Amino acid sequence: MPIIEHTATALAAWGLFGYLLGSIPFGLVLARIMGLGNLRQIGSGNIGATNVLRTGNKTAAALTLLLDAGKGAVAVLIARQFGSEDTAQIAGLIAMLGHCYPIWLKFAGGKGVATFLGIVLALSFPVGVGCCVAWLIGALVSRISSMGALVSAASSTVLLILLGVPEAMMLSILLTLIVFWRHRSNIARIRAGTEPKIGQKS
């Protein structure tokens, strides 16, 4: 854990900032702007890039991926710039929760993979790159996006240890638990052999 340098009130304020930023449903907004329909009624109904890809619009999916990752990274970077490592980690964690449980969507948000990657990239760029590589390996080998997400999340804590960023270990563990929790139905389908492949309509 990082050294706590700020008061509980300051940490709460940065947490609110992270939540509001993280809760912006870019996938849903882009789908409507680009005339792709109601994302809630497409594929899995999820608001993330994988489900946007099921509309057949690769540009929209790529933009969703970048924006969802970006909001996680921006939350960390701004909180670090105007605060310190404790505010950065709080903002990142709550941004993740904001994406997964946005108040605007009755707390039914995305699964947090892109936001997770953005947060980790901002915390430690080498670790973030390692997590992205882990996602690619997991997804390419299995042809299952959710498998890539699980492999990436599981590798984050190990990479933090190997690359010498122990102060972010607790945050990494919490983010990993959130990713696995949000993918619990995917895990069940992977075990049953019914999880859709990348690009396949669910």
N, C-alpha and C. Protein backbone atom coordinates (compact mmCIF):
# COMPACT_ATOMS: atom_id res chain seq x y z
N MET A 1 0.84 -1.20 0.00
CA MET A 1 0.00 0.00 0.00
C MET A 1 0.87 1.25 0.00
N PRO A 2 0.40 2.33 -0.63
CA PRO A 2 1.16 3.58 -0.59
C PRO A 2 1.03 4.24 0.77
N ILE A 3 1.93 5.16 1.08
CA ILE A 3 1.83 5.93 2.32
C ILE A 3 0.61 6.85 2.21
N ILE A 4 -0.23 6.84 3.24
CA ILE A 4 -1.43 7.68 3.25
C ILE A 4 -1.02 9.10 3.65
N GLU A 5 -1.11 10.01 2.71
CA GLU A 5 -0.67 11.38 2.93
C GLU A 5 -1.83 12.36 3.06
N HIS A 6 -3.04 11.93 2.73
CA HIS A 6 -4.17 12.86 2.72
C HIS A 6 -5.23 12.45 3.74
N THR A 7 -6.08 13.40 4.07
CA THR A 7 -7.16 13.14 5.02
C THR A 7 -8.23 12.27 4.37
N ALA A 8 -9.08 11.71 5.19
CA ALA A 8 -10.18 10.88 4.69
C ALA A 8 -11.09 11.69 3.77
N THR A 9 -11.28 12.96 4.11
CA THR A 9 -12.13 13.83 3.27
C THR A 9 -11.53 14.00 1.89
N ALA A 10 -10.22 14.25 1.84
CA ALA A 10 -9.55 14.42 0.55
C ALA A 10 -9.60 13.14 -0.27
N LEU A 11 -9.38 12.02 0.39
CA LEU A 11 -9.44 10.73 -0.31
C LEU A 11 -10.84 10.47 -0.84
N ALA A 12 -11.86 10.83 -0.05
CA ALA A 12 -13.24 10.65 -0.49
C ALA A 12 -13.54 11.53 -1.70
N ALA A 13 -13.00 12.74 -1.70
CA ALA A 13 -13.22 13.65 -2.83
C ALA A 13 -12.59 13.09 -4.10
N TRP A 14 -11.39 12.56 -3.97
CA TRP A 14 -10.75 11.96 -5.14
C TRP A 14 -11.47 10.69 -5.57
N GLY A 15 -12.03 9.97 -4.60
CA GLY A 15 -12.82 8.80 -4.94
C GLY A 15 -14.06 9.18 -5.73
N LEU A 16 -14.71 10.28 -5.34
CA LEU A 16 -15.88 10.76 -6.07
C LEU A 16 -15.50 11.17 -7.48
N PHE A 17 -14.37 11.85 -7.61
CA PHE A 17 -13.87 12.22 -8.94
C PHE A 17 -13.67 10.97 -9.81
N GLY A 18 -13.03 9.95 -9.23
CA GLY A 18 -12.80 8.71 -9.96
C GLY A 18 -14.10 8.03 -10.35
N TYR A 19 -15.06 8.04 -9.43
CA TYR A 19 -16.34 7.39 -9.72
C TYR A 19 -17.07 8.08 -10.87
N LEU A 20 -17.15 9.39 -10.82
CA LEU A 20 -17.87 10.13 -11.87
C LEU A 20 -17.21 9.95 -13.22
N LEU A 21 -15.90 9.93 -13.26
CA LEU A 21 -15.18 9.72 -14.51
C LEU A 21 -15.36 8.28 -15.00
N GLY A 22 -15.19 7.34 -14.09
CA GLY A 22 -15.29 5.93 -14.46
C GLY A 22 -16.68 5.52 -14.90
N SER A 23 -17.69 6.22 -14.42
CA SER A 23 -19.07 5.81 -14.70
C SER A 23 -19.60 6.31 -16.05
N ILE A 24 -18.79 7.04 -16.80
CA ILE A 24 -19.24 7.48 -18.14
C ILE A 24 -19.32 6.25 -19.06
N PRO A 25 -20.51 5.91 -19.56
CA PRO A 25 -20.68 4.68 -20.36
C PRO A 25 -20.36 4.93 -21.84
N PHE A 26 -19.08 5.02 -22.16
CA PHE A 26 -18.67 5.38 -23.51
C PHE A 26 -19.23 4.44 -24.58
N GLY A 27 -19.26 3.14 -24.29
CA GLY A 27 -19.78 2.20 -25.28
C GLY A 27 -21.22 2.48 -25.64
N LEU A 28 -22.02 2.73 -24.63
CA LEU A 28 -23.44 3.02 -24.83
C LEU A 28 -23.62 4.32 -25.61
N VAL A 29 -22.84 5.33 -25.23
CA VAL A 29 -22.93 6.64 -25.89
C VAL A 29 -22.51 6.54 -27.35
N LEU A 30 -21.40 5.88 -27.62
CA LEU A 30 -20.90 5.75 -28.99
C LEU A 30 -21.87 4.96 -29.86
N ALA A 31 -22.45 3.91 -29.30
CA ALA A 31 -23.40 3.11 -30.07
C ALA A 31 -24.59 3.95 -30.51
N ARG A 32 -25.05 4.82 -29.65
CA ARG A 32 -26.19 5.68 -30.00
C ARG A 32 -25.78 6.75 -31.00
N ILE A 33 -24.62 7.38 -30.76
CA ILE A 33 -24.16 8.43 -31.67
C ILE A 33 -23.91 7.88 -33.08
N MET A 34 -23.37 6.68 -33.16
CA MET A 34 -23.01 6.09 -34.44
C MET A 34 -24.14 5.27 -35.06
N GLY A 35 -25.33 5.35 -34.46
CA GLY A 35 -26.50 4.69 -35.02
C GLY A 35 -26.46 3.17 -34.98
N LEU A 36 -25.83 2.62 -33.95
CA LEU A 36 -25.70 1.16 -33.85
C LEU A 36 -26.82 0.53 -33.02
N GLY A 37 -27.72 1.35 -32.52
CA GLY A 37 -28.83 0.83 -31.72
C GLY A 37 -28.53 0.86 -30.24
N ASN A 38 -29.42 0.27 -29.48
CA ASN A 38 -29.30 0.19 -28.03
C ASN A 38 -28.39 -0.98 -27.67
N LEU A 39 -27.21 -0.68 -27.16
CA LEU A 39 -26.22 -1.72 -26.86
C LEU A 39 -26.76 -2.73 -25.86
N ARG A 40 -27.70 -2.31 -25.03
CA ARG A 40 -28.30 -3.22 -24.05
C ARG A 40 -29.10 -4.34 -24.71
N GLN A 41 -29.49 -4.12 -25.96
CA GLN A 41 -30.29 -5.11 -26.68
C GLN A 41 -29.48 -5.85 -27.75
N ILE A 42 -28.16 -5.71 -27.68
CA ILE A 42 -27.27 -6.34 -28.66
C ILE A 42 -26.35 -7.30 -27.94
N GLY A 43 -26.15 -8.49 -28.52
CA GLY A 43 -25.22 -9.46 -27.96
C GLY A 43 -25.49 -9.77 -26.51
N SER A 44 -24.46 -9.55 -25.68
CA SER A 44 -24.58 -9.85 -24.26
C SER A 44 -25.27 -8.73 -23.49
N GLY A 45 -25.47 -7.58 -24.14
CA GLY A 45 -26.07 -6.44 -23.46
C GLY A 45 -25.08 -5.63 -22.66
N ASN A 46 -23.81 -6.03 -22.70
CA ASN A 46 -22.77 -5.34 -21.96
C ASN A 46 -22.40 -4.03 -22.65
N ILE A 47 -21.83 -3.07 -21.90
CA ILE A 47 -21.51 -1.76 -22.47
C ILE A 47 -20.05 -1.65 -22.90
N GLY A 48 -19.29 -2.74 -22.82
CA GLY A 48 -17.87 -2.69 -23.13
C GLY A 48 -17.54 -2.91 -24.59
N ALA A 49 -16.24 -2.83 -24.91
CA ALA A 49 -15.77 -2.90 -26.30
C ALA A 49 -16.07 -4.23 -26.96
N THR A 50 -16.00 -5.32 -26.20
CA THR A 50 -16.26 -6.64 -26.79
C THR A 50 -17.68 -6.73 -27.33
N ASN A 51 -18.63 -6.20 -26.59
CA ASN A 51 -20.01 -6.24 -27.07
C ASN A 51 -20.25 -5.24 -28.18
N VAL A 52 -19.57 -4.09 -28.13
CA VAL A 52 -19.67 -3.12 -29.23
C VAL A 52 -19.18 -3.77 -30.52
N LEU A 53 -18.15 -4.60 -30.42
CA LEU A 53 -17.62 -5.29 -31.61
C LEU A 53 -18.67 -6.20 -32.24
N ARG A 54 -19.60 -6.68 -31.44
CA ARG A 54 -20.65 -7.56 -31.97
C ARG A 54 -21.63 -6.82 -32.86
N THR A 55 -21.57 -5.48 -32.85
CA THR A 55 -22.41 -4.71 -33.78
C THR A 55 -21.83 -4.74 -35.18
N GLY A 56 -20.57 -5.18 -35.28
CA GLY A 56 -19.90 -5.22 -36.58
C GLY A 56 -19.11 -3.94 -36.87
N ASN A 57 -19.17 -2.97 -35.97
CA ASN A 57 -18.48 -1.71 -36.18
C ASN A 57 -17.16 -1.72 -35.39
N LYS A 58 -16.06 -2.01 -36.09
CA LYS A 58 -14.77 -2.11 -35.44
C LYS A 58 -14.27 -0.76 -34.93
N THR A 59 -14.63 0.31 -35.64
CA THR A 59 -14.22 1.65 -35.21
C THR A 59 -14.83 1.99 -33.87
N ALA A 60 -16.12 1.71 -33.73
CA ALA A 60 -16.81 1.98 -32.47
C ALA A 60 -16.22 1.15 -31.34
N ALA A 61 -15.90 -0.10 -31.64
CA ALA A 61 -15.32 -0.97 -30.62
C ALA A 61 -13.95 -0.46 -30.18
N ALA A 62 -13.12 -0.02 -31.15
CA ALA A 62 -11.79 0.49 -30.83
C ALA A 62 -11.88 1.77 -30.01
N LEU A 63 -12.80 2.65 -30.38
CA LEU A 63 -12.99 3.89 -29.63
C LEU A 63 -13.46 3.61 -28.20
N THR A 64 -14.36 2.65 -28.06
CA THR A 64 -14.84 2.27 -26.73
C THR A 64 -13.70 1.76 -25.88
N LEU A 65 -12.86 0.91 -26.48
CA LEU A 65 -11.71 0.36 -25.76
C LEU A 65 -10.79 1.48 -25.29
N LEU A 66 -10.47 2.40 -26.19
CA LEU A 66 -9.55 3.49 -25.87
C LEU A 66 -10.13 4.43 -24.81
N LEU A 67 -11.41 4.77 -24.95
CA LEU A 67 -12.03 5.70 -24.01
C LEU A 67 -12.23 5.07 -22.63
N ASP A 68 -12.61 3.80 -22.60
CA ASP A 68 -12.78 3.13 -21.31
C ASP A 68 -11.44 2.97 -20.59
N ALA A 69 -10.39 2.67 -21.37
CA ALA A 69 -9.05 2.61 -20.78
C ALA A 69 -8.60 4.00 -20.37
N GLY A 70 -8.91 4.97 -21.21
CA GLY A 70 -8.48 6.34 -20.95
C GLY A 70 -9.04 6.91 -19.67
N LYS A 71 -10.31 6.61 -19.37
CA LYS A 71 -10.89 7.19 -18.15
C LYS A 71 -10.23 6.63 -16.90
N GLY A 72 -9.82 5.35 -16.96
CA GLY A 72 -9.08 4.78 -15.83
C GLY A 72 -7.72 5.42 -15.67
N ALA A 73 -7.02 5.60 -16.80
CA ALA A 73 -5.70 6.21 -16.77
C ALA A 73 -5.77 7.67 -16.33
N VAL A 74 -6.73 8.40 -16.86
CA VAL A 74 -6.86 9.83 -16.52
C VAL A 74 -7.17 10.01 -15.04
N ALA A 75 -8.02 9.15 -14.50
CA ALA A 75 -8.34 9.24 -13.06
C ALA A 75 -7.07 9.13 -12.22
N VAL A 76 -6.22 8.16 -12.57
CA VAL A 76 -4.98 7.96 -11.82
C VAL A 76 -4.02 9.13 -12.02
N LEU A 77 -3.83 9.54 -13.27
CA LEU A 77 -2.83 10.56 -13.58
C LEU A 77 -3.19 11.92 -12.99
N ILE A 78 -4.46 12.30 -13.08
CA ILE A 78 -4.86 13.60 -12.52
C ILE A 78 -4.76 13.58 -10.99
N ALA A 79 -5.21 12.49 -10.38
CA ALA A 79 -5.14 12.39 -8.91
C ALA A 79 -3.70 12.38 -8.44
N ARG A 80 -2.81 11.79 -9.22
CA ARG A 80 -1.39 11.79 -8.85
C ARG A 80 -0.78 13.18 -9.04
N GLN A 81 -1.17 13.85 -10.12
CA GLN A 81 -0.62 15.18 -10.42
C GLN A 81 -0.98 16.19 -9.34
N PHE A 82 -2.21 16.16 -8.87
CA PHE A 82 -2.67 17.15 -7.91
C PHE A 82 -2.73 16.61 -6.48
N GLY A 83 -2.40 15.36 -6.32
CA GLY A 83 -2.36 14.76 -5.00
C GLY A 83 -1.06 13.99 -4.83
N SER A 84 -1.17 12.69 -4.61
CA SER A 84 0.02 11.85 -4.49
C SER A 84 -0.39 10.41 -4.80
N GLU A 85 0.44 9.45 -4.42
CA GLU A 85 0.17 8.06 -4.79
C GLU A 85 -1.09 7.52 -4.12
N ASP A 86 -1.38 7.97 -2.91
CA ASP A 86 -2.58 7.47 -2.25
C ASP A 86 -3.85 7.93 -2.95
N THR A 87 -3.88 9.20 -3.36
CA THR A 87 -5.06 9.70 -4.08
C THR A 87 -5.17 9.07 -5.46
N ALA A 88 -4.02 8.79 -6.09
CA ALA A 88 -4.03 8.15 -7.41
C ALA A 88 -4.64 6.76 -7.33
N GLN A 89 -4.26 6.02 -6.31
CA GLN A 89 -4.77 4.65 -6.20
C GLN A 89 -6.25 4.63 -5.82
N ILE A 90 -6.66 5.54 -4.96
CA ILE A 90 -8.08 5.64 -4.61
C ILE A 90 -8.91 6.00 -5.84
N ALA A 91 -8.45 7.00 -6.60
CA ALA A 91 -9.18 7.43 -7.78
C ALA A 91 -9.27 6.30 -8.80
N GLY A 92 -8.18 5.54 -8.96
CA GLY A 92 -8.19 4.43 -9.89
C GLY A 92 -9.15 3.33 -9.48
N LEU A 93 -9.10 2.96 -8.22
CA LEU A 93 -9.98 1.91 -7.72
C LEU A 93 -11.45 2.29 -7.87
N ILE A 94 -11.79 3.52 -7.49
CA ILE A 94 -13.20 3.93 -7.55
C ILE A 94 -13.64 4.18 -8.99
N ALA A 95 -12.70 4.56 -9.87
CA ALA A 95 -13.04 4.67 -11.30
C ALA A 95 -13.45 3.30 -11.84
N MET A 96 -12.75 2.27 -11.40
CA MET A 96 -13.09 0.89 -11.80
C MET A 96 -14.50 0.54 -11.32
N LEU A 97 -14.80 0.88 -10.07
CA LEU A 97 -16.14 0.61 -9.54
C LEU A 97 -17.19 1.43 -10.28
N GLY A 98 -16.82 2.67 -10.65
CA GLY A 98 -17.74 3.51 -11.40
C GLY A 98 -18.09 2.91 -12.74
N HIS A 99 -17.10 2.33 -13.42
CA HIS A 99 -17.37 1.68 -14.70
C HIS A 99 -18.26 0.45 -14.52
N CYS A 100 -17.98 -0.32 -13.52
CA CYS A 100 -18.74 -1.56 -13.29
C CYS A 100 -20.13 -1.31 -12.71
N TYR A 101 -20.25 -0.25 -11.90
CA TYR A 101 -21.51 0.03 -11.22
C TYR A 101 -21.89 1.50 -11.34
N PRO A 102 -22.17 1.98 -12.55
CA PRO A 102 -22.52 3.40 -12.74
C PRO A 102 -23.93 3.72 -12.27
N ILE A 103 -24.05 4.78 -11.52
CA ILE A 103 -25.37 5.14 -10.98
C ILE A 103 -26.35 5.46 -12.10
N TRP A 104 -25.85 5.99 -13.24
CA TRP A 104 -26.71 6.38 -14.35
C TRP A 104 -27.40 5.18 -15.01
N LEU A 105 -26.80 4.00 -14.85
CA LEU A 105 -27.33 2.78 -15.47
C LEU A 105 -27.85 1.80 -14.42
N LYS A 106 -28.30 2.35 -13.30
CA LYS A 106 -28.82 1.56 -12.20
C LYS A 106 -27.79 0.54 -11.71
N PHE A 107 -26.53 0.96 -11.72
CA PHE A 107 -25.40 0.18 -11.23
C PHE A 107 -25.12 -1.08 -12.06
N ALA A 108 -25.63 -1.12 -13.28
CA ALA A 108 -25.38 -2.26 -14.17
C ALA A 108 -24.45 -1.81 -15.29
N GLY A 109 -23.15 -1.85 -15.04
CA GLY A 109 -22.19 -1.36 -16.01
C GLY A 109 -21.42 -2.46 -16.71
N GLY A 110 -20.18 -2.14 -17.08
CA GLY A 110 -19.36 -3.09 -17.82
C GLY A 110 -18.56 -3.99 -16.90
N LYS A 111 -17.65 -4.75 -17.50
CA LYS A 111 -16.86 -5.72 -16.73
C LYS A 111 -15.49 -5.19 -16.37
N GLY A 112 -15.14 -4.02 -16.89
CA GLY A 112 -14.00 -3.30 -16.36
C GLY A 112 -12.63 -3.64 -16.92
N VAL A 113 -12.55 -4.45 -17.98
CA VAL A 113 -11.24 -4.89 -18.47
C VAL A 113 -10.42 -3.72 -19.02
N ALA A 114 -11.01 -2.94 -19.92
CA ALA A 114 -10.29 -1.81 -20.50
C ALA A 114 -9.93 -0.79 -19.43
N THR A 115 -10.85 -0.52 -18.53
CA THR A 115 -10.59 0.44 -17.45
C THR A 115 -9.48 -0.08 -16.54
N PHE A 116 -9.49 -1.35 -16.26
CA PHE A 116 -8.42 -1.99 -15.48
C PHE A 116 -7.07 -1.79 -16.16
N LEU A 117 -7.01 -2.03 -17.46
CA LEU A 117 -5.74 -1.87 -18.18
C LEU A 117 -5.28 -0.41 -18.16
N GLY A 118 -6.21 0.53 -18.32
CA GLY A 118 -5.85 1.93 -18.26
C GLY A 118 -5.29 2.33 -16.90
N ILE A 119 -5.90 1.82 -15.86
CA ILE A 119 -5.43 2.12 -14.50
C ILE A 119 -4.02 1.58 -14.29
N VAL A 120 -3.80 0.33 -14.70
CA VAL A 120 -2.49 -0.29 -14.49
C VAL A 120 -1.42 0.40 -15.33
N LEU A 121 -1.76 0.78 -16.57
CA LEU A 121 -0.81 1.50 -17.41
C LEU A 121 -0.40 2.82 -16.77
N ALA A 122 -1.34 3.51 -16.14
CA ALA A 122 -1.04 4.78 -15.49
C ALA A 122 -0.25 4.58 -14.20
N LEU A 123 -0.53 3.51 -13.49
CA LEU A 123 0.20 3.23 -12.25
C LEU A 123 1.66 2.90 -12.54
N SER A 124 1.87 2.02 -13.53
CA SER A 124 3.22 1.61 -13.93
C SER A 124 3.15 1.18 -15.38
N PHE A 125 3.72 1.97 -16.27
CA PHE A 125 3.62 1.68 -17.70
C PHE A 125 4.17 0.30 -18.06
N PRO A 126 5.35 -0.10 -17.56
CA PRO A 126 5.85 -1.44 -17.89
C PRO A 126 4.90 -2.56 -17.44
N VAL A 127 4.32 -2.41 -16.25
CA VAL A 127 3.37 -3.42 -15.76
C VAL A 127 2.13 -3.43 -16.64
N GLY A 128 1.66 -2.24 -17.01
CA GLY A 128 0.49 -2.15 -17.88
C GLY A 128 0.73 -2.82 -19.23
N VAL A 129 1.90 -2.58 -19.80
CA VAL A 129 2.24 -3.22 -21.08
C VAL A 129 2.27 -4.73 -20.91
N GLY A 130 2.83 -5.19 -19.79
CA GLY A 130 2.86 -6.63 -19.52
C GLY A 130 1.46 -7.22 -19.43
N CYS A 131 0.54 -6.48 -18.81
CA CYS A 131 -0.85 -6.94 -18.69
C CYS A 131 -1.52 -6.99 -20.06
N CYS A 132 -1.22 -6.00 -20.92
CA CYS A 132 -1.78 -6.00 -22.27
C CYS A 132 -1.27 -7.20 -23.07
N VAL A 133 0.02 -7.49 -22.92
CA VAL A 133 0.60 -8.67 -23.60
C VAL A 133 -0.05 -9.95 -23.08
N ALA A 134 -0.27 -10.01 -21.77
CA ALA A 134 -0.92 -11.19 -21.18
C ALA A 134 -2.33 -11.35 -21.73
N TRP A 135 -3.04 -10.21 -21.90
CA TRP A 135 -4.39 -10.28 -22.49
C TRP A 135 -4.32 -10.84 -23.91
N LEU A 136 -3.38 -10.33 -24.70
CA LEU A 136 -3.25 -10.78 -26.08
C LEU A 136 -2.95 -12.27 -26.15
N ILE A 137 -2.04 -12.72 -25.32
CA ILE A 137 -1.69 -14.15 -25.32
C ILE A 137 -2.89 -15.00 -24.93
N GLY A 138 -3.56 -14.61 -23.85
CA GLY A 138 -4.72 -15.38 -23.40
C GLY A 138 -5.84 -15.40 -24.43
N ALA A 139 -6.08 -14.23 -25.06
CA ALA A 139 -7.16 -14.13 -26.05
C ALA A 139 -6.81 -14.85 -27.34
N LEU A 140 -5.56 -14.73 -27.79
CA LEU A 140 -5.16 -15.37 -29.05
C LEU A 140 -5.14 -16.88 -28.93
N VAL A 141 -4.66 -17.37 -27.81
CA VAL A 141 -4.59 -18.83 -27.61
C VAL A 141 -5.98 -19.44 -27.50
N SER A 142 -6.85 -18.78 -26.75
CA SER A 142 -8.19 -19.34 -26.49
C SER A 142 -9.25 -18.87 -27.48
N ARG A 143 -8.97 -17.72 -28.17
CA ARG A 143 -9.95 -17.06 -29.03
C ARG A 143 -11.16 -16.60 -28.22
N ILE A 144 -10.95 -16.37 -26.93
CA ILE A 144 -12.02 -15.94 -26.03
C ILE A 144 -11.56 -14.66 -25.32
N SER A 145 -12.30 -13.58 -25.52
CA SER A 145 -11.92 -12.30 -24.94
C SER A 145 -11.88 -12.35 -23.41
N SER A 146 -12.86 -12.99 -22.82
CA SER A 146 -12.91 -13.04 -21.36
C SER A 146 -11.73 -13.82 -20.78
N MET A 147 -11.23 -14.82 -21.51
CA MET A 147 -10.06 -15.56 -21.04
C MET A 147 -8.84 -14.64 -21.02
N GLY A 148 -8.71 -13.81 -22.06
CA GLY A 148 -7.62 -12.83 -22.07
C GLY A 148 -7.71 -11.90 -20.88
N ALA A 149 -8.93 -11.47 -20.54
CA ALA A 149 -9.13 -10.57 -19.41
C ALA A 149 -8.71 -11.22 -18.10
N LEU A 150 -9.08 -12.47 -17.92
CA LEU A 150 -8.76 -13.18 -16.69
C LEU A 150 -7.25 -13.40 -16.56
N VAL A 151 -6.62 -13.77 -17.66
CA VAL A 151 -5.17 -13.97 -17.65
C VAL A 151 -4.45 -12.66 -17.34
N SER A 152 -4.92 -11.58 -17.97
CA SER A 152 -4.32 -10.26 -17.76
C SER A 152 -4.43 -9.82 -16.31
N ALA A 153 -5.63 -9.94 -15.75
CA ALA A 153 -5.85 -9.52 -14.37
C ALA A 153 -5.02 -10.36 -13.40
N ALA A 154 -4.99 -11.66 -13.64
CA ALA A 154 -4.25 -12.55 -12.75
C ALA A 154 -2.75 -12.28 -12.79
N SER A 155 -2.26 -11.80 -13.93
CA SER A 155 -0.82 -11.56 -14.08
C SER A 155 -0.37 -10.24 -13.46
N SER A 156 -1.31 -9.34 -13.18
CA SER A 156 -0.94 -7.99 -12.77
C SER A 156 -0.15 -7.96 -11.47
N THR A 157 -0.58 -8.71 -10.47
CA THR A 157 0.12 -8.69 -9.18
C THR A 157 1.51 -9.28 -9.30
N VAL A 158 1.62 -10.37 -10.08
CA VAL A 158 2.93 -10.99 -10.30
C VAL A 158 3.88 -10.01 -10.99
N LEU A 159 3.37 -9.31 -11.99
CA LEU A 159 4.19 -8.34 -12.71
C LEU A 159 4.61 -7.18 -11.81
N LEU A 160 3.73 -6.75 -10.93
CA LEU A 160 4.08 -5.68 -10.00
C LEU A 160 5.23 -6.10 -9.08
N ILE A 161 5.21 -7.34 -8.66
CA ILE A 161 6.28 -7.86 -7.80
C ILE A 161 7.59 -7.95 -8.59
N LEU A 162 7.50 -8.53 -9.79
CA LEU A 162 8.70 -8.74 -10.60
C LEU A 162 9.33 -7.42 -11.04
N LEU A 163 8.49 -6.41 -11.31
CA LEU A 163 8.99 -5.13 -11.80
C LEU A 163 9.17 -4.08 -10.70
N GLY A 164 9.04 -4.52 -9.47
CA GLY A 164 9.39 -3.65 -8.35
C GLY A 164 8.42 -2.52 -8.05
N VAL A 165 7.11 -2.83 -8.06
CA VAL A 165 6.12 -1.80 -7.72
C VAL A 165 5.23 -2.35 -6.59
N PRO A 166 5.81 -2.66 -5.45
CA PRO A 166 5.06 -3.31 -4.36
C PRO A 166 3.97 -2.43 -3.77
N GLU A 167 4.09 -1.10 -3.88
CA GLU A 167 3.11 -0.21 -3.27
C GLU A 167 1.74 -0.29 -3.93
N ALA A 168 1.67 -0.89 -5.12
CA ALA A 168 0.39 -1.02 -5.82
C ALA A 168 -0.19 -2.43 -5.74
N MET A 169 0.43 -3.29 -4.93
CA MET A 169 -0.01 -4.69 -4.86
C MET A 169 -1.44 -4.83 -4.35
N MET A 170 -1.77 -4.11 -3.28
CA MET A 170 -3.11 -4.23 -2.72
C MET A 170 -4.16 -3.77 -3.73
N LEU A 171 -3.89 -2.66 -4.42
CA LEU A 171 -4.81 -2.19 -5.44
C LEU A 171 -4.95 -3.22 -6.55
N SER A 172 -3.83 -3.80 -6.96
CA SER A 172 -3.86 -4.81 -8.02
C SER A 172 -4.72 -6.01 -7.63
N ILE A 173 -4.58 -6.44 -6.39
CA ILE A 173 -5.38 -7.58 -5.92
C ILE A 173 -6.86 -7.23 -5.93
N LEU A 174 -7.21 -6.02 -5.48
CA LEU A 174 -8.61 -5.60 -5.47
C LEU A 174 -9.18 -5.51 -6.89
N LEU A 175 -8.40 -4.93 -7.81
CA LEU A 175 -8.84 -4.83 -9.20
C LEU A 175 -9.02 -6.22 -9.82
N THR A 176 -8.11 -7.12 -9.51
CA THR A 176 -8.21 -8.49 -10.03
C THR A 176 -9.47 -9.18 -9.52
N LEU A 177 -9.75 -9.00 -8.24
CA LEU A 177 -10.96 -9.60 -7.68
C LEU A 177 -12.22 -9.05 -8.35
N ILE A 178 -12.22 -7.74 -8.64
CA ILE A 178 -13.37 -7.13 -9.32
C ILE A 178 -13.53 -7.73 -10.71
N VAL A 179 -12.41 -7.85 -11.45
CA VAL A 179 -12.46 -8.41 -12.80
C VAL A 179 -13.00 -9.84 -12.77
N PHE A 180 -12.51 -10.65 -11.84
CA PHE A 180 -12.98 -12.04 -11.75
C PHE A 180 -14.45 -12.09 -11.33
N TRP A 181 -14.85 -11.22 -10.40
CA TRP A 181 -16.25 -11.21 -9.97
C TRP A 181 -17.18 -10.82 -11.13
N ARG A 182 -16.77 -9.81 -11.88
CA ARG A 182 -17.59 -9.35 -13.00
C ARG A 182 -17.63 -10.37 -14.13
N HIS A 183 -16.67 -11.29 -14.15
CA HIS A 183 -16.61 -12.32 -15.19
C HIS A 183 -17.09 -13.69 -14.68
N ARG A 184 -17.78 -13.71 -13.56
CA ARG A 184 -18.16 -15.00 -13.00
C ARG A 184 -19.06 -15.81 -13.94
N SER A 185 -19.94 -15.14 -14.68
CA SER A 185 -20.78 -15.88 -15.64
C SER A 185 -19.95 -16.36 -16.82
N ASN A 186 -18.95 -15.57 -17.22
CA ASN A 186 -18.06 -16.00 -18.29
C ASN A 186 -17.25 -17.22 -17.87
N ILE A 187 -16.80 -17.20 -16.63
CA ILE A 187 -16.03 -18.34 -16.11
C ILE A 187 -16.88 -19.60 -16.16
N ALA A 188 -18.15 -19.48 -15.78
CA ALA A 188 -19.04 -20.63 -15.83
C ALA A 188 -19.21 -21.14 -17.26
N ARG A 189 -19.32 -20.20 -18.22
CA ARG A 189 -19.48 -20.62 -19.63
C ARG A 189 -18.19 -21.20 -20.19
N ILE A 190 -17.06 -20.66 -19.76
CA ILE A 190 -15.77 -21.23 -20.20
C ILE A 190 -15.67 -22.68 -19.74
N ARG A 191 -16.04 -22.92 -18.51
CA ARG A 191 -16.00 -24.29 -17.97
C ARG A 191 -16.97 -25.21 -18.70
N ALA A 192 -18.09 -24.62 -19.15
CA ALA A 192 -19.09 -25.43 -19.86
C ALA A 192 -18.81 -25.51 -21.35
N GLY A 193 -17.84 -24.75 -21.84
CA GLY A 193 -17.51 -24.76 -23.26
C GLY A 193 -18.49 -24.00 -24.12
N THR A 194 -19.22 -23.06 -23.54
CA THR A 194 -20.24 -22.31 -24.29
C THR A 194 -19.92 -20.82 -24.42
N GLU A 195 -18.75 -20.39 -23.97
CA GLU A 195 -18.38 -18.97 -24.05
C GLU A 195 -18.14 -18.60 -25.53
N PRO A 196 -18.77 -17.51 -26.03
CA PRO A 196 -18.59 -17.12 -27.44
C PRO A 196 -17.14 -16.75 -27.74
N LYS A 197 -16.71 -17.06 -28.95
CA LYS A 197 -15.38 -16.68 -29.42
C LYS A 197 -15.37 -15.21 -29.79
N ILE A 198 -14.19 -14.64 -29.93
CA ILE A 198 -14.03 -13.25 -30.31
C ILE A 198 -14.69 -12.99 -31.67
N GLY A 199 -15.55 -11.96 -31.73
CA GLY A 199 -16.22 -11.61 -32.97
C GLY A 199 -17.49 -12.40 -33.23
N GLN A 200 -17.74 -13.40 -32.40
CA GLN A 200 -18.93 -14.24 -32.57
C GLN A 200 -20.11 -13.61 -31.82
N LYS A 201 -21.27 -13.62 -32.45
CA LYS A 201 -22.46 -13.10 -31.78
C LYS A 201 -22.89 -14.07 -30.70
N SER A 202 -23.17 -13.51 -29.52
CA SER A 202 -23.60 -14.37 -28.42
C SER A 202 -25.08 -14.65 -28.50
